């Protein structure tokens, strides 16, 4: 029980130290996440992942955060309901995690809260919006294949620039 309290305190302190939406106003790609169970790992808001996104021709966001050399080198987040310029509360989300040793965990029962979704700038192929928020998963993420132990997402905060072309 003490170990669980310590993990929760670390996770809350970890995200609480980020401030605001967890990232400075210039950040266009960032993820802060801590996981426990089948994988113990944390990514801080100050780490610099690569963001893989696609132009969105409808509602929703899909983003892959890539951190080579990290224990959790790939964090994927997707949602089909978020609209450009709109905030959201408790919308369905899929979270996919991949470890540096190849284990994969996926869950579709997570929810996403979008605290900000603001116009950034117009580009040739659409409009950029800076989207920031948090993801909550009510239960541990099961392994996608194999018999790896489940992974609990203790905290997940994100920011990404999405290009909407509607």
Protein backbone atom coordinates (compact mmCIF):
# COMPACT_ATOMS: atom_id res chain seq x y z
CA UNK A 1 0.00 0.00 0.00
CA UNK A 2 2.85 2.39 0.86
CA UNK A 3 4.46 1.70 -2.54
CA UNK A 4 1.18 2.57 -4.30
CA UNK A 5 0.88 5.84 -2.34
CA UNK A 6 4.47 6.69 -3.24
CA UNK A 7 3.76 6.02 -6.94
CA UNK A 8 0.67 8.22 -6.88
CA UNK A 9 2.55 11.00 -5.08
CA UNK A 10 5.37 10.81 -7.61
CA UNK A 11 2.92 10.84 -10.53
CA UNK A 12 1.03 13.82 -9.15
CA UNK A 13 4.23 15.70 -8.38
CA UNK A 14 5.57 14.78 -11.80
CA UNK A 15 2.60 16.33 -13.62
CA UNK A 16 2.01 19.07 -11.08
CA UNK A 17 5.53 20.36 -11.68
CA UNK A 18 4.67 20.99 -15.32
CA UNK A 19 2.30 23.88 -14.55
CA UNK A 20 -0.61 25.08 -16.71
CA UNK A 21 -1.23 22.55 -19.43
CA UNK A 22 2.14 21.08 -18.52
CA UNK A 23 4.08 22.65 -21.34
CA UNK A 24 5.21 26.17 -22.13
CA UNK A 25 3.17 28.07 -24.71
CA UNK A 26 5.75 27.45 -27.44
CA UNK A 27 5.67 23.67 -27.12
CA UNK A 28 4.03 22.05 -30.14
CA UNK A 29 4.89 18.43 -29.40
CA UNK A 30 5.12 17.01 -25.91
CA UNK A 31 4.00 14.17 -23.70
CA UNK A 32 4.35 13.65 -19.95
CA UNK A 33 3.44 10.15 -18.87
CA UNK A 34 4.11 7.76 -16.03
CA UNK A 35 3.24 4.08 -16.11
CA UNK A 36 3.54 1.23 -13.63
CA UNK A 37 2.89 -2.48 -13.43
CA UNK A 38 4.28 -4.43 -16.39
CA UNK A 39 6.51 -1.45 -17.19
CA UNK A 40 7.84 1.19 -14.82
CA UNK A 41 8.64 4.33 -16.82
CA UNK A 42 8.17 8.09 -16.81
CA UNK A 43 8.56 10.71 -19.51
CA UNK A 44 8.84 14.31 -18.37
CA UNK A 45 7.32 17.35 -20.04
CA UNK A 46 10.83 18.68 -20.69
CA UNK A 47 11.79 15.68 -22.87
CA UNK A 48 11.59 16.29 -26.60
CA UNK A 49 9.73 13.57 -28.48
CA UNK A 50 9.15 13.53 -32.20
CA UNK A 51 5.45 13.86 -33.11
CA UNK A 52 3.97 11.93 -35.98
CA UNK A 53 0.59 13.27 -37.03
CA UNK A 54 -1.47 13.36 -40.18
CA UNK A 55 -3.62 16.01 -41.77
CA UNK A 56 -7.13 15.59 -40.36
CA UNK A 57 -9.91 15.83 -42.91
CA UNK A 58 -12.61 15.30 -40.29
CA UNK A 59 -13.00 15.10 -36.54
CA UNK A 60 -10.45 13.49 -34.27
CA UNK A 61 -6.76 13.41 -33.57
CA UNK A 62 -4.08 10.77 -34.06
CA UNK A 63 -0.60 11.32 -32.71
CA UNK A 64 2.43 9.13 -32.12
CA UNK A 65 5.08 10.38 -29.71
CA UNK A 66 8.48 8.83 -30.46
CA UNK A 67 11.35 8.87 -27.92
CA UNK A 68 14.21 6.69 -29.21
CA UNK A 69 16.35 5.15 -26.49
CA UNK A 70 13.68 5.56 -23.81
CA UNK A 71 12.12 2.65 -21.85
CA UNK A 72 8.81 3.82 -23.36
CA UNK A 73 9.89 4.91 -26.86
CA UNK A 74 6.42 5.05 -28.39
CA UNK A 75 3.17 6.51 -27.01
CA UNK A 76 0.15 6.67 -29.31
CA UNK A 77 -3.07 8.57 -28.71
CA UNK A 78 -6.17 8.67 -30.90
CA UNK A 79 -9.71 9.99 -30.71
CA UNK A 80 -12.43 10.26 -33.38
CA UNK A 81 -14.62 13.01 -31.88
CA UNK A 82 -12.47 16.05 -31.11
CA UNK A 83 -13.16 18.97 -33.45
CA UNK A 84 -10.86 21.83 -34.33
CA UNK A 85 -11.09 24.71 -31.90
CA UNK A 86 -13.22 22.83 -29.36
CA UNK A 87 -12.37 21.62 -25.88
CA UNK A 88 -13.71 18.28 -24.70
CA UNK A 89 -14.34 16.34 -21.51
CA UNK A 90 -14.27 12.55 -21.10
CA UNK A 91 -14.23 11.71 -24.81
CA UNK A 92 -13.27 8.15 -25.79
CA UNK A 93 -9.61 7.60 -26.61
CA UNK A 94 -7.33 4.76 -27.55
CA UNK A 95 -3.90 4.59 -25.93
CA UNK A 96 -1.14 2.37 -27.29
CA UNK A 97 2.20 1.99 -25.50
CA UNK A 98 5.30 0.24 -26.75
CA UNK A 99 8.31 -0.67 -24.64
CA UNK A 100 11.93 -0.65 -25.76
CA UNK A 101 11.86 -4.45 -25.65
CA UNK A 102 8.87 -4.70 -28.00
CA UNK A 103 5.95 -5.30 -25.64
CA UNK A 104 2.78 -3.50 -26.68
CA UNK A 105 -0.25 -2.50 -24.60
CA UNK A 106 -3.49 -1.12 -26.07
CA UNK A 107 -6.77 0.02 -24.55
CA UNK A 108 -9.90 1.67 -25.95
CA UNK A 109 -11.55 2.47 -22.60
CA UNK A 110 -9.44 5.54 -21.84
CA UNK A 111 -10.88 9.06 -21.97
CA UNK A 112 -9.39 12.33 -23.13
CA UNK A 113 -9.96 15.80 -21.73
CA UNK A 114 -8.92 18.62 -24.06
CA UNK A 115 -8.21 21.74 -21.99
CA UNK A 116 -7.15 23.89 -24.93
CA UNK A 117 -7.56 23.66 -28.68
CA UNK A 118 -6.43 26.96 -30.15
CA UNK A 119 -5.73 28.21 -33.65
CA UNK A 120 -1.99 28.48 -34.24
CA UNK A 121 -1.65 29.51 -37.89
CA UNK A 122 -2.88 28.87 -41.43
CA UNK A 123 -0.69 26.76 -43.68
CA UNK A 124 -0.99 25.80 -47.33
CA UNK A 125 -2.82 22.54 -46.65
CA UNK A 126 -5.02 23.53 -43.67
CA UNK A 127 -5.04 25.20 -40.28
CA UNK A 128 -2.74 24.32 -37.39
CA UNK A 129 -4.33 24.03 -33.94
CA UNK A 130 -2.41 23.52 -30.71
CA UNK A 131 -4.27 20.84 -28.74
CA UNK A 132 -3.41 20.12 -25.09
CA UNK A 133 -5.00 17.99 -22.42
CA UNK A 134 -4.92 14.85 -20.31
CA UNK A 135 -5.83 11.20 -20.73
CA UNK A 136 -7.25 8.94 -18.03
CA UNK A 137 -7.42 5.15 -18.25
CA UNK A 138 -9.79 3.50 -15.73
CA UNK A 139 -7.96 0.16 -15.71
CA UNK A 140 -4.56 -1.24 -16.62
CA UNK A 141 -3.83 -1.57 -20.34
CA UNK A 142 -3.75 -5.23 -21.34
CA UNK A 143 -0.93 -6.58 -23.50
CA UNK A 144 -1.76 -6.56 -27.22
CA UNK A 145 -0.05 -9.91 -27.71
CA UNK A 146 1.81 -12.33 -25.51
CA UNK A 147 1.64 -12.62 -21.76
CA UNK A 148 3.28 -9.40 -20.57
CA UNK A 149 1.80 -8.01 -17.34
CA UNK A 150 -0.76 -5.21 -17.75
CA UNK A 151 0.42 -1.59 -17.52
CA UNK A 152 -1.34 1.15 -15.56
CA UNK A 153 -1.23 4.67 -16.96
CA UNK A 154 -0.73 6.64 -13.75
CA UNK A 155 -0.73 10.03 -15.51
CA UNK A 156 -0.69 11.25 -19.12
CA UNK A 157 -0.59 14.84 -20.29
CA UNK A 158 -0.03 15.88 -23.90
CA UNK A 159 0.32 18.72 -26.38
CA UNK A 160 0.39 18.48 -30.17
CA UNK A 161 -0.23 20.63 -33.22
CA UNK A 162 -2.90 19.10 -35.45
CA UNK A 163 -3.49 20.24 -39.01
CA UNK A 164 -7.19 20.30 -39.86
CA UNK A 165 -8.24 20.57 -43.49
CA UNK A 166 -12.04 20.78 -43.53
